[in-house]
C-alpha cells in the first residue's frame, strides 16, 4: 500500500511541476483515478477528488485515503467485482 501511495505522490509532484496548479490538478484527477481504481472505498474517493480545486487539498486527500487503507491492512484490498455472465 505504501509503495503505491509513494509512487502516486511522486507522479503527482511531477504533474504539478510540469503543468502548473490549474491544469495539473485537472490532469492529476485522471491519474489518481488509475492509481485507486478498484481499491476499497475508491469510487466515493474518486468522486470527491473530482471536486477538489487545488494541490494542497488533493495531496491531503490522497494521504488520507491511503492512510485509511494502510491502517486497515498494509496489503492492497480490492472491492469484489460482480461476476460476469458468459455470453451465450
Protein backbone atom coordinates (compact mmCIF):
# COMPACT_ATOMS: atom_id res chain seq x y z
CA UNK A 1 0.00 0.00 0.00
CA UNK A 2 2.73 2.45 0.94
CA UNK A 3 4.56 1.85 -2.33
CA UNK A 4 1.55 2.79 -4.44
CA UNK A 5 0.99 5.85 -2.25
CA UNK A 6 4.61 6.93 -2.68
CA UNK A 7 4.64 6.39 -6.46
CA UNK A 8 1.34 8.25 -6.80
CA UNK A 9 2.66 11.22 -4.81
CA UNK A 10 5.87 11.38 -6.85
CA UNK A 11 3.88 11.20 -10.08
CA UNK A 12 1.58 13.99 -8.92
CA UNK A 13 4.53 16.18 -7.93
CA UNK A 14 5.87 15.78 -11.48
CA UNK A 15 2.47 16.59 -13.00
CA UNK A 16 2.07 19.73 -10.90
CA UNK A 17 5.61 20.89 -11.69
CA UNK A 18 5.14 20.34 -15.42
CA UNK A 19 1.59 21.66 -15.90
CA UNK A 20 1.24 24.16 -13.06
CA UNK A 21 -1.53 24.19 -10.49
CA UNK A 22 -4.65 24.84 -12.54
CA UNK A 23 -4.03 22.34 -15.33
CA UNK A 24 -2.02 19.97 -13.14
CA UNK A 25 -4.89 19.48 -10.67
CA UNK A 26 -7.25 18.61 -13.51
CA UNK A 27 -4.85 16.21 -15.19
CA UNK A 28 -3.94 14.65 -11.84
CA UNK A 29 -7.56 13.59 -11.32
CA UNK A 30 -7.29 11.10 -14.17
CA UNK A 31 -4.05 9.65 -12.84
CA UNK A 32 -5.35 9.46 -9.28
CA UNK A 33 -8.30 7.52 -10.62
CA UNK A 34 -5.94 4.99 -12.21
CA UNK A 35 -3.95 4.57 -9.00
CA UNK A 36 -7.04 3.96 -6.89
CA UNK A 37 -9.36 2.08 -9.25
CA UNK A 38 -10.81 -1.00 -7.63
CA UNK A 39 -9.45 -0.30 -4.16
CA UNK A 40 -11.90 -0.46 -1.28
CA UNK A 41 -13.76 2.85 -1.00
CA UNK A 42 -12.20 4.27 -4.14
CA UNK A 43 -15.43 5.07 -6.01
CA UNK A 44 -16.53 7.61 -3.40
CA UNK A 45 -12.96 8.87 -3.11
CA UNK A 46 -12.68 9.44 -6.86
CA UNK A 47 -15.99 11.30 -6.89
CA UNK A 48 -14.80 13.58 -4.08
CA UNK A 49 -11.39 14.01 -5.76
CA UNK A 50 -13.07 15.47 -8.84
CA UNK A 51 -14.37 18.34 -6.70
CA UNK A 52 -11.02 19.32 -5.17
CA UNK A 53 -9.71 22.56 -6.69
CA UNK A 54 -6.08 22.85 -5.53
CA UNK A 55 -2.83 20.96 -5.00
CA UNK A 56 -2.67 21.01 -1.17
CA UNK A 57 -6.21 19.67 -0.88
CA UNK A 58 -5.55 16.96 -3.48
CA UNK A 59 -2.41 15.81 -1.70
CA UNK A 60 -4.14 15.84 1.68
CA UNK A 61 -6.98 13.74 0.27
CA UNK A 62 -4.51 11.24 -1.25
CA UNK A 63 -2.64 10.95 2.04
CA UNK A 64 -5.86 10.48 3.98
CA UNK A 65 -7.22 7.85 1.56
CA UNK A 66 -4.06 5.75 1.51
CA UNK A 67 -3.60 6.30 5.25
CA UNK A 68 -7.02 4.81 5.94
CA UNK A 69 -6.29 1.83 3.72
CA UNK A 70 -2.90 1.28 5.38
CA UNK A 71 -4.48 1.37 8.84
CA UNK A 72 -6.92 -1.34 7.78
CA UNK A 73 -4.24 -3.50 6.13
CA UNK A 74 -0.79 -2.89 4.66
CA UNK A 75 -1.70 -5.02 1.64
CA UNK A 76 -3.89 -3.98 -1.24
CA UNK A 77 -7.56 -4.79 -0.86
CA UNK A 78 -9.75 -4.62 -3.92
CA UNK A 79 -13.51 -4.46 -3.93
CA UNK A 80 -15.20 -7.59 -5.17
CA UNK A 81 -16.28 -7.30 -8.75
CA UNK A 82 -19.67 -8.69 -9.70
CA UNK A 83 -19.41 -11.95 -11.64
CA UNK A 84 -19.55 -11.50 -15.37
CA UNK A 85 -22.16 -13.55 -17.14
CA UNK A 86 -20.98 -15.65 -20.01
CA UNK A 87 -22.37 -14.57 -23.34
CA UNK A 88 -24.49 -17.30 -24.89
